[in-house]
PDB file of all heavy atoms in Angstrom:
ATOM      1  N   GLY A   1       0.764  -1.152  -0.030  1.00  0.00           N
ATOM      2  CA  GLY A   1       0.040  -0.029  -0.020  1.00  0.00           C
ATOM      3  C   GLY A   1       0.837   1.199   0.090  1.00  0.00           C
ATOM      4  O   GLY A   1       2.059   1.192  -0.225  1.00  0.00           O
ATOM      5  N   ARG A   2       0.121   2.369   0.265  1.00  0.00           N
ATOM      6  CA  ARG A   2       0.890   3.593   0.321  1.00  0.00           C
ATOM      7  C   ARG A   2       0.168   4.730   1.009  1.00  0.00           C
ATOM      8  O   ARG A   2      -1.082   4.667   1.235  1.00  0.00           O
ATOM      9  CB  ARG A   2       1.074   4.147  -1.218  1.00  0.00           C
ATOM     10  CG  ARG A   2      -0.204   4.476  -1.911  1.00  0.00           C
ATOM     11  CD  ARG A   2       0.055   4.866  -3.439  1.00  0.00           C
ATOM     12  NE  ARG A   2      -1.178   4.856  -4.183  1.00  0.00           N
ATOM     13  CZ  ARG A   2      -1.836   5.942  -4.344  1.00  0.00           C
ATOM     14  NH1 ARG A   2      -1.491   7.136  -3.757  1.00  0.00           N
ATOM     15  NH2 ARG A   2      -3.065   5.909  -4.998  1.00  0.00           N
ATOM     16  N   PHE A   3       1.002   5.705   1.340  1.00  0.00           N
ATOM     17  CA  PHE A   3       0.366   6.968   1.960  1.00  0.00           C
ATOM     18  C   PHE A   3       0.937   8.165   1.118  1.00  0.00           C
ATOM     19  O   PHE A   3       2.188   8.132   0.660  1.00  0.00           O
ATOM     20  CB  PHE A   3       0.831   7.244   3.379  1.00  0.00           C
ATOM     21  CG  PHE A   3       0.073   6.400   4.455  1.00  0.00           C
ATOM     22  CD1 PHE A   3       0.636   5.786   5.526  1.00  0.00           C
ATOM     23  CD2 PHE A   3      -1.355   6.539   4.340  1.00  0.00           C
ATOM     24  CE1 PHE A   3      -0.100   5.033   6.504  1.00  0.00           C
ATOM     25  CE2 PHE A   3      -2.111   5.803   5.301  1.00  0.00           C
ATOM     26  CZ  PHE A   3      -1.486   5.087   6.310  1.00  0.00           C
ATOM     27  N   THR A   4       0.197   9.081   0.945  1.00  0.00           N
ATOM     28  CA  THR A   4       0.521  10.318   0.259  1.00  0.00           C
ATOM     29  C   THR A   4       0.954  11.430   1.279  1.00  0.00           C
ATOM     30  O   THR A   4       0.795  11.264   2.454  1.00  0.00           O
ATOM     31  CB  THR A   4      -0.651  10.944  -0.621  1.00  0.00           C
ATOM     32  OG1 THR A   4      -1.689  11.288   0.285  1.00  0.00           O
ATOM     33  CG2 THR A   4      -1.193   9.909  -1.517  1.00  0.00           C
ATOM     34  N   ALA A   5       1.549  12.478   0.749  1.00  0.00           N
ATOM     35  CA  ALA A   5       1.929  13.614   1.601  1.00  0.00           C
ATOM     36  C   ALA A   5       0.733  14.244   2.274  1.00  0.00           C
ATOM     37  O   ALA A   5       0.798  14.568   3.410  1.00  0.00           O
ATOM     38  CB  ALA A   5       2.690  14.767   0.823  1.00  0.00           C
ATOM     39  N   ALA A   6      -0.465  14.131   1.563  1.00  0.00           N
ATOM     40  CA  ALA A   6      -1.718  14.635   2.223  1.00  0.00           C
ATOM     41  C   ALA A   6      -2.016  13.859   3.360  1.00  0.00           C
ATOM     42  O   ALA A   6      -2.540  14.325   4.426  1.00  0.00           O
ATOM     43  CB  ALA A   6      -2.770  14.631   1.128  1.00  0.00           C
ATOM     44  N   ASP A   7      -1.848  12.428   3.305  1.00  0.00           N
ATOM     45  CA  ASP A   7      -2.218  11.588   4.457  1.00  0.00           C
ATOM     46  C   ASP A   7      -1.347  11.964   5.673  1.00  0.00           C
ATOM     47  O   ASP A   7      -1.727  12.126   6.773  1.00  0.00           O
ATOM     48  CB  ASP A   7      -1.908  10.182   4.013  1.00  0.00           C
ATOM     49  CG  ASP A   7      -2.976   9.575   3.049  1.00  0.00           C
ATOM     50  OD1 ASP A   7      -4.126   9.969   3.147  1.00  0.00           O
ATOM     51  OD2 ASP A   7      -2.487   8.906   2.139  1.00  0.00           O
ATOM     52  N   ILE A   8      -0.031  12.212   5.386  1.00  0.00           N
ATOM     53  CA  ILE A   8       0.922  12.459   6.357  1.00  0.00           C
ATOM     54  C   ILE A   8       0.790  13.813   7.020  1.00  0.00           C
ATOM     55  O   ILE A   8       0.810  13.905   8.246  1.00  0.00           O
ATOM     56  CB  ILE A   8       2.347  12.308   5.869  1.00  0.00           C
ATOM     57  CG1 ILE A   8       2.602  10.902   5.418  1.00  0.00           C
ATOM     58  CG2 ILE A   8       3.379  12.709   6.882  1.00  0.00           C
ATOM     59  CD1 ILE A   8       3.722  10.684   4.511  1.00  0.00           C
ATOM     60  N   ASN A   9       0.378  14.734   6.222  1.00  0.00           N
ATOM     61  CA  ASN A   9       0.152  16.134   6.686  1.00  0.00           C
ATOM     62  C   ASN A   9      -1.097  16.130   7.543  1.00  0.00           C
ATOM     63  O   ASN A   9      -1.295  16.910   8.426  1.00  0.00           O
ATOM     64  CB  ASN A   9       0.002  17.105   5.567  1.00  0.00           C
ATOM     65  CG  ASN A   9       1.334  17.428   4.870  1.00  0.00           C
ATOM     66  OD1 ASN A   9       2.369  17.212   5.516  1.00  0.00           O
ATOM     67  ND2 ASN A   9       1.301  17.887   3.663  1.00  0.00           N
ATOM     68  N   TYR A  10      -2.149  15.402   7.070  1.00  0.00           N
ATOM     69  CA  TYR A  10      -3.429  15.161   7.980  1.00  0.00           C
ATOM     70  C   TYR A  10      -2.922  14.741   9.356  1.00  0.00           C
ATOM     71  O   TYR A  10      -3.427  15.327  10.326  1.00  0.00           O
ATOM     72  CB  TYR A  10      -4.458  14.379   7.293  1.00  0.00           C
ATOM     73  CG  TYR A  10      -5.474  13.940   8.318  1.00  0.00           C
ATOM     74  CD1 TYR A  10      -6.446  14.788   8.695  1.00  0.00           C
ATOM     75  CD2 TYR A  10      -5.384  12.600   8.891  1.00  0.00           C
ATOM     76  CE1 TYR A  10      -7.386  14.382   9.674  1.00  0.00           C
ATOM     77  CE2 TYR A  10      -6.209  12.257   9.988  1.00  0.00           C
ATOM     78  CZ  TYR A  10      -7.190  13.120  10.299  1.00  0.00           C
ATOM     79  OH  TYR A  10      -8.180  12.794  11.214  1.00  0.00           O
ATOM     80  N   THR A  11      -2.158  13.692   9.336  1.00  0.00           N
ATOM     81  CA  THR A  11      -1.777  13.035  10.676  1.00  0.00           C
ATOM     82  C   THR A  11      -0.998  14.008  11.458  1.00  0.00           C
ATOM     83  O   THR A  11      -1.286  14.169  12.686  1.00  0.00           O
ATOM     84  CB  THR A  11      -0.981  11.808  10.441  1.00  0.00           C
ATOM     85  OG1 THR A  11      -1.771  10.867   9.566  1.00  0.00           O
ATOM     86  CG2 THR A  11      -0.650  10.994  11.682  1.00  0.00           C
ATOM     87  N   SER A  12      -0.033  14.667  10.965  1.00  0.00           N
ATOM     88  CA  SER A  12       0.810  15.670  11.582  1.00  0.00           C
ATOM     89  C   SER A  12      -0.092  16.812  12.181  1.00  0.00           C
ATOM     90  O   SER A  12       0.073  17.180  13.330  1.00  0.00           O
ATOM     91  CB  SER A  12       1.794  16.400  10.716  1.00  0.00           C
ATOM     92  OG  SER A  12       2.902  15.297  10.424  1.00  0.00           O
ATOM     93  N   ASN A  13      -0.991  17.361  11.393  1.00  0.00           N
ATOM     94  CA  ASN A  13      -1.902  18.426  11.836  1.00  0.00           C
ATOM     95  C   ASN A  13      -2.886  17.941  13.007  1.00  0.00           C
ATOM     96  O   ASN A  13      -3.070  18.536  13.944  1.00  0.00           O
ATOM     97  CB  ASN A  13      -2.715  18.960  10.715  1.00  0.00           C
ATOM     98  CG  ASN A  13      -1.846  19.987   9.894  1.00  0.00           C
ATOM     99  OD1 ASN A  13      -1.457  21.048  10.292  1.00  0.00           O
ATOM    100  ND2 ASN A  13      -1.654  19.524   8.579  1.00  0.00           N
ATOM    101  N   TYR A  14      -3.233  16.633  12.887  1.00  0.00           N
ATOM    102  CA  TYR A  14      -4.110  16.034  13.946  1.00  0.00           C
ATOM    103  C   TYR A  14      -3.468  15.993  15.184  1.00  0.00           C
ATOM    104  O   TYR A  14      -3.831  16.305  16.242  1.00  0.00           O
ATOM    105  CB  TYR A  14      -4.581  14.619  13.452  1.00  0.00           C
ATOM    106  CG  TYR A  14      -5.420  14.020  14.500  1.00  0.00           C
ATOM    107  CD1 TYR A  14      -6.817  14.122  14.544  1.00  0.00           C
ATOM    108  CD2 TYR A  14      -4.912  13.077  15.368  1.00  0.00           C
ATOM    109  CE1 TYR A  14      -7.585  13.457  15.542  1.00  0.00           C
ATOM    110  CE2 TYR A  14      -5.595  12.490  16.258  1.00  0.00           C
ATOM    111  CZ  TYR A  14      -6.938  12.651  16.407  1.00  0.00           C
ATOM    112  OH  TYR A  14      -7.601  12.008  17.337  1.00  0.00           O
ATOM    113  N   LEU A  15      -2.075  15.487  15.189  1.00  0.00           N
ATOM    114  CA  LEU A  15      -1.296  15.328  16.421  1.00  0.00           C
ATOM    115  C   LEU A  15      -0.884  16.787  16.863  1.00  0.00           C
ATOM    116  O   LEU A  15      -0.852  16.981  18.148  1.00  0.00           O
ATOM    117  CB  LEU A  15       0.037  14.558  16.068  1.00  0.00           C
ATOM    118  CG  LEU A  15      -0.153  13.039  15.724  1.00  0.00           C
ATOM    119  CD1 LEU A  15       1.132  12.534  15.292  1.00  0.00           C
ATOM    120  CD2 LEU A  15      -0.689  12.345  16.879  1.00  0.00           C
ATOM    121  N   ALA A  16      -0.549  17.663  16.021  1.00  0.00           N
ATOM    122  CA  ALA A  16      -0.156  18.987  16.492  1.00  0.00           C
ATOM    123  C   ALA A  16      -1.261  19.680  17.092  1.00  0.00           C
ATOM    124  O   ALA A  16      -1.040  20.449  18.242  1.00  0.00           O
ATOM    125  CB  ALA A  16       0.224  19.890  15.233  1.00  0.00           C
ATOM    126  N   LYS A  17      -2.562  19.441  16.787  1.00  0.00           N
ATOM    127  CA  LYS A  17      -3.800  20.107  17.556  1.00  0.00           C
ATOM    128  C   LYS A  17      -3.868  19.568  18.845  1.00  0.00           C
ATOM    129  O   LYS A  17      -4.109  20.167  19.953  1.00  0.00           O
ATOM    130  CB  LYS A  17      -4.971  19.864  16.693  1.00  0.00           C
ATOM    131  CG  LYS A  17      -6.107  20.610  17.317  1.00  0.00           C
ATOM    132  CD  LYS A  17      -7.416  20.456  16.425  1.00  0.00           C
ATOM    133  CE  LYS A  17      -8.544  21.297  16.933  1.00  0.00           C
ATOM    134  NZ  LYS A  17      -8.872  21.009  18.314  1.00  0.00           N
ATOM    135  N   LEU A  18      -3.525  18.252  19.077  1.00  0.00           N
ATOM    136  CA  LEU A  18      -3.579  17.519  20.311  1.00  0.00           C
ATOM    137  C   LEU A  18      -2.436  18.110  21.259  1.00  0.00           C
ATOM    138  O   LEU A  18      -2.809  18.471  22.386  1.00  0.00           O
ATOM    139  CB  LEU A  18      -3.447  16.059  20.210  1.00  0.00           C
ATOM    140  CG  LEU A  18      -4.563  15.288  19.606  1.00  0.00           C
ATOM    141  CD1 LEU A  18      -4.238  13.735  19.694  1.00  0.00           C
ATOM    142  CD2 LEU A  18      -5.842  15.497  20.298  1.00  0.00           C
ATOM    143  N   VAL A  19      -1.255  18.325  20.733  1.00  0.00           N
ATOM    144  CA  VAL A  19      -0.218  18.897  21.427  1.00  0.00           C
ATOM    145  C   VAL A  19      -0.597  20.273  21.982  1.00  0.00           C
ATOM    146  O   VAL A  19      -0.289  20.610  23.145  1.00  0.00           O
ATOM    147  CB  VAL A  19       1.151  18.841  20.651  1.00  0.00           C
ATOM    148  CG1 VAL A  19       2.180  19.742  21.262  1.00  0.00           C
ATOM    149  CG2 VAL A  19       1.515  17.510  20.335  1.00  0.00           C
ATOM    150  N   LYS A  20      -1.103  21.145  21.034  1.00  0.00           N
ATOM    151  CA  LYS A  20      -1.409  22.492  21.370  1.00  0.00           C
ATOM    152  C   LYS A  20      -2.543  22.507  22.390  1.00  0.00           C
ATOM    153  O   LYS A  20      -2.508  23.384  23.368  1.00  0.00           O
ATOM    154  CB  LYS A  20      -1.663  23.286  20.198  1.00  0.00           C
ATOM    155  CG  LYS A  20      -0.369  23.606  19.331  1.00  0.00           C
ATOM    156  CD  LYS A  20      -0.616  24.457  18.192  1.00  0.00           C
ATOM    157  CE  LYS A  20      -1.225  23.688  17.035  1.00  0.00           C
ATOM    158  NZ  LYS A  20      -1.339  24.502  15.740  1.00  0.00           N
ATOM    159  N   ASP A  21      -3.638  21.789  22.133  1.00  0.00           N
ATOM    160  CA  ASP A  21      -4.754  21.852  22.987  1.00  0.00           C
ATOM    161  C   ASP A  21      -4.560  21.414  24.353  1.00  0.00           C
ATOM    162  O   ASP A  21      -5.200  21.761  25.291  1.00  0.00           O
ATOM    163  CB  ASP A  21      -5.975  21.113  22.321  1.00  0.00           C
ATOM    164  CG  ASP A  21      -6.487  21.885  21.074  1.00  0.00           C
ATOM    165  OD1 ASP A  21      -6.133  23.064  20.844  1.00  0.00           O
ATOM    166  OD2 ASP A  21      -7.314  21.267  20.428  1.00  0.00           O
ATOM    167  N   ASN A  22      -3.646  20.422  24.461  1.00  0.00           N
ATOM    168  CA  ASN A  22      -3.415  19.844  25.754  1.00  0.00           C
ATOM    169  C   ASN A  22      -2.036  20.052  26.375  1.00  0.00           C
ATOM    170  O   ASN A  22      -1.659  19.439  27.389  1.00  0.00           O
ATOM    171  CB  ASN A  22      -3.549  18.223  25.607  1.00  0.00           C
ATOM    172  CG  ASN A  22      -4.984  17.812  25.225  1.00  0.00           C
ATOM    173  OD1 ASN A  22      -5.865  17.776  25.955  1.00  0.00           O
ATOM    174  ND2 ASN A  22      -5.088  17.724  23.863  1.00  0.00           N
ATOM    175  N   ASP A  23      -1.364  21.021  25.849  1.00  0.00           N
ATOM    176  CA  ASP A  23      -0.070  21.550  26.228  1.00  0.00           C
ATOM    177  C   ASP A  23       0.871  20.316  26.493  1.00  0.00           C
ATOM    178  O   ASP A  23       1.470  20.059  27.582  1.00  0.00           O
ATOM    179  CB  ASP A  23      -0.167  22.299  27.630  1.00  0.00           C
ATOM    180  CG  ASP A  23       1.158  23.021  28.068  1.00  0.00           C
ATOM    181  OD1 ASP A  23       1.952  23.286  27.096  1.00  0.00           O
ATOM    182  OD2 ASP A  23       1.410  23.371  29.216  1.00  0.00           O
ATOM    183  N   LEU A  24       1.067  19.585  25.447  1.00  0.00           N
ATOM    184  CA  LEU A  24       1.967  18.329  25.552  1.00  0.00           C
ATOM    185  C   LEU A  24       3.286  18.539  24.964  1.00  0.00           C
ATOM    186  O   LEU A  24       3.459  19.462  24.130  1.00  0.00           O
ATOM    187  CB  LEU A  24       1.200  17.178  24.642  1.00  0.00           C
ATOM    188  CG  LEU A  24      -0.205  16.747  25.127  1.00  0.00           C
ATOM    189  CD1 LEU A  24      -0.803  15.740  24.259  1.00  0.00           C
ATOM    190  CD2 LEU A  24      -0.170  16.152  26.550  1.00  0.00           C
ATOM    191  N   PRO A  25       4.272  17.755  25.245  1.00  0.00           N
ATOM    192  CA  PRO A  25       5.541  17.778  24.456  1.00  0.00           C
ATOM    193  C   PRO A  25       5.273  17.331  23.160  1.00  0.00           C
ATOM    194  O   PRO A  25       4.205  16.613  22.681  1.00  0.00           O
ATOM    195  CB  PRO A  25       6.436  16.915  25.256  1.00  0.00           C
ATOM    196  CG  PRO A  25       5.431  15.954  25.900  1.00  0.00           C
ATOM    197  CD  PRO A  25       4.280  16.698  26.210  1.00  0.00           C
ATOM    198  N   PRO A  26       6.223  17.493  22.080  1.00  0.00           N
ATOM    199  CA  PRO A  26       5.962  17.115  20.682  1.00  0.00           C
ATOM    200  C   PRO A  26       5.771  15.556  20.664  1.00  0.00           C
ATOM    201  O   PRO A  26       6.344  14.821  21.392  1.00  0.00           O
ATOM    202  CB  PRO A  26       7.186  17.523  20.073  1.00  0.00           C
ATOM    203  CG  PRO A  26       7.839  18.599  20.817  1.00  0.00           C
ATOM    204  CD  PRO A  26       7.503  18.264  22.334  1.00  0.00           C
ATOM    205  N   LYS A  27       4.906  15.202  19.546  1.00  0.00           N
ATOM    206  CA  LYS A  27       4.712  13.816  19.254  1.00  0.00           C
ATOM    207  C   LYS A  27       5.675  13.328  18.282  1.00  0.00           C
ATOM    208  O   LYS A  27       6.093  14.070  17.323  1.00  0.00           O
ATOM    209  CB  LYS A  27       3.290  13.609  18.787  1.00  0.00           C
ATOM    210  CG  LYS A  27       2.163  13.882  19.663  1.00  0.00           C
ATOM    211  CD  LYS A  27       2.154  12.880  20.917  1.00  0.00           C
ATOM    212  CE  LYS A  27       0.954  13.210  21.796  1.00  0.00           C
ATOM    213  NZ  LYS A  27       0.994  12.167  22.986  1.00  0.00           N
ATOM    214  N   VAL A  28       6.205  12.074  18.365  1.00  0.00           N
ATOM    215  CA  VAL A  28       6.990  11.419  17.357  1.00  0.00           C
ATOM    216  C   VAL A  28       5.981  10.682  16.547  1.00  0.00           C
ATOM    217  O   VAL A  28       5.051  10.016  16.939  1.00  0.00           O
ATOM    218  CB  VAL A  28       7.869  10.425  18.055  1.00  0.00           C
ATOM    219  CG1 VAL A  28       8.599   9.600  16.947  1.00  0.00           C
ATOM    220  CG2 VAL A  28       8.861  11.117  18.857  1.00  0.00           C
ATOM    221  N   LEU A  29       6.123  10.886  15.134  1.00  0.00           N
ATOM    222  CA  LEU A  29       5.322  10.194  14.015  1.00  0.00           C
ATOM    223  C   LEU A  29       6.186   9.284  13.279  1.00  0.00           C
ATOM    224  O   LEU A  29       7.045   9.835  12.614  1.00  0.00           O
ATOM    225  CB  LEU A  29       4.560  11.241  13.243  1.00  0.00           C
ATOM    226  CG  LEU A  29       3.860  10.679  12.035  1.00  0.00           C
ATOM    227  CD1 LEU A  29       2.782   9.676  12.450  1.00  0.00           C
ATOM    228  CD2 LEU A  29       3.269  11.717  11.271  1.00  0.00           C
ATOM    229  N   VAL A  30       6.053   7.990  13.380  1.00  0.00           N
ATOM    230  CA  VAL A  30       6.821   7.058  12.643  1.00  0.00           C
ATOM    231  C   VAL A  30       6.238   6.577  11.372  1.00  0.00           C
ATOM    232  O   VAL A  30       5.064   6.172  11.548  1.00  0.00           O
ATOM    233  CB  VAL A  30       7.194   5.803  13.581  1.00  0.00           C
ATOM    234  CG1 VAL A  30       8.054   4.799  12.742  1.00  0.00           C
ATOM    235  CG2 VAL A  30       7.898   6.226  14.785  1.00  0.00           C
ATOM    236  N   LEU A  31       6.966   6.685  10.204  1.00  0.00           N
ATOM    237  CA  LEU A  31       6.358   6.253   8.958  1.00  0.00           C
ATOM    238  C   LEU A  31       7.272   5.085   8.565  1.00  0.00           C
ATOM    239  O   LEU A  31       8.477   5.284   8.403  1.00  0.00           O
ATOM    240  CB  LEU A  31       6.580   7.392   7.981  1.00  0.00           C
ATOM    241  CG  LEU A  31       5.920   8.704   8.354  1.00  0.00           C
ATOM    242  CD1 LEU A  31       6.267   9.853   7.293  1.00  0.00           C
ATOM    243  CD2 LEU A  31       4.452   8.689   8.708  1.00  0.00           C
ATOM    244  N   HIS A  32       6.631   3.889   8.321  1.00  0.00           N
ATOM    245  CA  HIS A  32       7.266   2.801   7.821  1.00  0.00           C
ATOM    246  C   HIS A  32       7.546   2.686   6.333  1.00  0.00           C
ATOM    247  O   HIS A  32       6.667   3.133   5.592  1.00  0.00           O
ATOM    248  CB  HIS A  32       6.590   1.559   8.220  1.00  0.00           C
ATOM    249  CG  HIS A  32       6.409   1.423   9.712  1.00  0.00           C
ATOM    250  ND1 HIS A  32       7.354   1.189  10.664  1.00  0.00           N
ATOM    251  CD2 HIS A  32       5.364   1.553  10.448  1.00  0.00           C
ATOM    252  CE1 HIS A  32       6.908   1.054  11.846  1.00  0.00           C
ATOM    253  NE2 HIS A  32       5.638   1.427  11.780  1.00  0.00           N
ATOM    254  N   ARG A  33       8.740   2.355   5.893  1.00  0.00           N
ATOM    255  CA  ARG A  33       8.874   2.480   4.423  1.00  0.00           C
ATOM    256  C   ARG A  33      10.040   1.449   3.985  1.00  0.00           C
ATOM    257  O   ARG A  33      11.153   1.433   4.662  1.00  0.00           O
ATOM    258  CB  ARG A  33       9.302   3.893   4.073  1.00  0.00           C
ATOM    259  CG  ARG A  33       9.370   4.089   2.540  1.00  0.00           C
ATOM    260  CD  ARG A  33       9.745   5.538   2.187  1.00  0.00           C
ATOM    261  NE  ARG A  33       9.556   5.861   0.849  1.00  0.00           N
ATOM    262  CZ  ARG A  33       9.980   7.011   0.216  1.00  0.00           C
ATOM    263  NH1 ARG A  33      10.602   7.913   0.906  1.00  0.00           N
ATOM    264  NH2 ARG A  33       9.678   7.216  -0.986  1.00  0.00           N
ATOM    265  N   PHE A  34       9.878   0.757   2.831  1.00  0.00           N
ATOM    266  CA  PHE A  34      10.928  -0.006   2.353  1.00  0.00           C
ATOM    267  C   PHE A  34      10.937  -0.079   0.759  1.00  0.00           C
ATOM    268  O   PHE A  34      11.744  -0.644   0.161  1.00  0.00           O
ATOM    269  CB  PHE A  34      11.036  -1.468   2.847  1.00  0.00           C
ATOM    270  CG  PHE A  34       9.671  -2.266   2.660  1.00  0.00           C
ATOM    271  CD1 PHE A  34       9.352  -2.878   1.469  1.00  0.00           C
ATOM    272  CD2 PHE A  34       8.678  -2.197   3.684  1.00  0.00           C
ATOM    273  CE1 PHE A  34       8.213  -3.719   1.338  1.00  0.00           C
ATOM    274  CE2 PHE A  34       7.507  -2.914   3.553  1.00  0.00           C
ATOM    275  CZ  PHE A  34       7.270  -3.660   2.296  1.00  0.00           C
ATOM    276  N   THR A  35       9.952   0.749   0.227  1.00  0.00           N
ATOM    277  CA  THR A  35       9.825   0.967  -1.263  1.00  0.00           C
ATOM    278  C   THR A  35       9.618   2.486  -1.548  1.00  0.00           C
ATOM    279  O   THR A  35       9.030   3.209  -0.640  1.00  0.00           O
ATOM    280  CB  THR A  35       8.912   0.202  -2.019  1.00  0.00           C
ATOM    281  OG1 THR A  35       7.500   0.702  -1.582  1.00  0.00           O
ATOM    282  CG2 THR A  35       8.945  -1.341  -1.542  1.00  0.00           C
ATOM    283  N   LYS A  36      10.036   3.084  -2.609  1.00  0.00           N
ATOM    284  CA  LYS A  36       9.666   4.391  -3.009  1.00  0.00           C
ATOM    285  C   LYS A  36       8.116   4.676  -2.955  1.00  0.00           C
ATOM    286  O   LYS A  36       7.709   5.707  -2.580  1.00  0.00           O
ATOM    287  CB  LYS A  36      10.340   4.883  -4.303  1.00  0.00           C
ATOM    288  CG  LYS A  36      11.808   5.104  -4.106  1.00  0.00           C
ATOM    289  CD  LYS A  36      12.416   5.791  -5.413  1.00  0.00           C
ATOM    290  CE  LYS A  36      13.911   6.018  -5.344  1.00  0.00           C
ATOM    291  NZ  LYS A  36      14.182   7.030  -4.254  1.00  0.00           N
ATOM    292  N   GLY A  37       7.437   3.705  -3.602  1.00  0.00           N
ATOM    293  CA  GLY A  37       6.058   3.854  -3.771  1.00  0.00           C
ATOM    294  C   GLY A  37       5.163   3.896  -2.542  1.00  0.00           C
ATOM    295  O   GLY A  37       4.041   4.442  -2.503  1.00  0.00           O
ATOM    296  N   MET A  38       5.759   3.621  -1.307  1.00  0.00           N
ATOM    297  CA  MET A  38       5.024   3.551  -0.244  1.00  0.00           C
ATOM    298  C   MET A  38       4.737   5.009   0.422  1.00  0.00           C
ATOM    299  O   MET A  38       3.651   5.171   1.119  1.00  0.00           O
ATOM    300  CB  MET A  38       5.757   2.779   1.001  1.00  0.00           C
ATOM    301  CG  MET A  38       5.768   1.270   0.727  1.00  0.00           C
ATOM    302  SD  MET A  38       6.770   0.345   1.847  1.00  0.00           S
ATOM    303  CE  MET A  38       5.930   0.445   3.334  1.00  0.00           C
ATOM    304  N   ILE A  39       5.594   5.891   0.080  1.00  0.00           N
ATOM    305  CA  ILE A  39       5.414   7.284   0.512  1.00  0.00           C
ATOM    306  C   ILE A  39       5.527   8.203  -0.760  1.00  0.00           C
ATOM    307  O   ILE A  39       6.625   8.094  -1.510  1.00  0.00           O
ATOM    308  CB  ILE A  39       6.550   7.747   1.434  1.00  0.00           C
ATOM    309  CG1 ILE A  39       6.425   6.939   2.718  1.00  0.00           C
ATOM    310  CG2 ILE A  39       6.228   9.247   1.873  1.00  0.00           C
ATOM    311  CD1 ILE A  39       5.227   7.097   3.667  1.00  0.00           C
ATOM    312  N   THR A  40       4.514   8.836  -1.142  1.00  0.00           N
ATOM    313  CA  THR A  40       4.569   9.727  -2.340  1.00  0.00           C
ATOM    314  C   THR A  40       4.444  11.133  -1.990  1.00  0.00           C
ATOM    315  O   THR A  40       3.891  11.502  -1.006  1.00  0.00           O
ATOM    316  CB  THR A  40       3.451   9.240  -3.280  1.00  0.00           C
ATOM    317  OG1 THR A  40       2.212   9.566  -2.648  1.00  0.00           O
ATOM    318  CG2 THR A  40       3.558   7.889  -3.727  1.00  0.00           C
ATOM    319  N   GLY A  41       5.144  11.995  -2.783  1.00  0.00           N
ATOM    320  CA  GLY A  41       5.196  13.429  -2.521  1.00  0.00           C
ATOM    321  C   GLY A  41       5.854  13.879  -1.378  1.00  0.00           C
ATOM    322  O   GLY A  41       5.462  14.830  -0.630  1.00  0.00           O
ATOM    323  N   TYR A  42       7.054  13.293  -1.060  1.00  0.00           N
ATOM    324  CA  TYR A  42       7.734  13.648   0.280  1.00  0.00           C
ATOM    325  C   TYR A  42       8.071  15.036   0.344  1.00  0.00           C
ATOM    326  O   TYR A  42       8.095  15.609   1.367  1.00  0.00           O
ATOM    327  CB  TYR A  42       9.040  12.659   0.331  1.00  0.00           C
ATOM    328  CG  TYR A  42      10.276  13.245  -0.481  1.00  0.00           C
ATOM    329  CD1 TYR A  42      11.200  14.024   0.134  1.00  0.00           C
ATOM    330  CD2 TYR A  42      10.323  12.998  -1.753  1.00  0.00           C
ATOM    331  CE1 TYR A  42      12.274  14.589  -0.479  1.00  0.00           C
ATOM    332  CE2 TYR A  42      11.526  13.413  -2.505  1.00  0.00           C
ATOM    333  CZ  TYR A  42      12.398  14.216  -1.876  1.00  0.00           C
ATOM    334  OH  TYR A  42      13.533  14.579  -2.435  1.00  0.00           O
TER     335      TYR A  42
END
């Protein structure tokens, strides 16, 4: 399968809102990858 930059940006923005709304330290977001096609539009 694959994720696009839009998928990743959605996830980052979702986490960023939780961090800001709840005064949390930054979240780590891990993206798994072993082919070029798994992540598009880096």
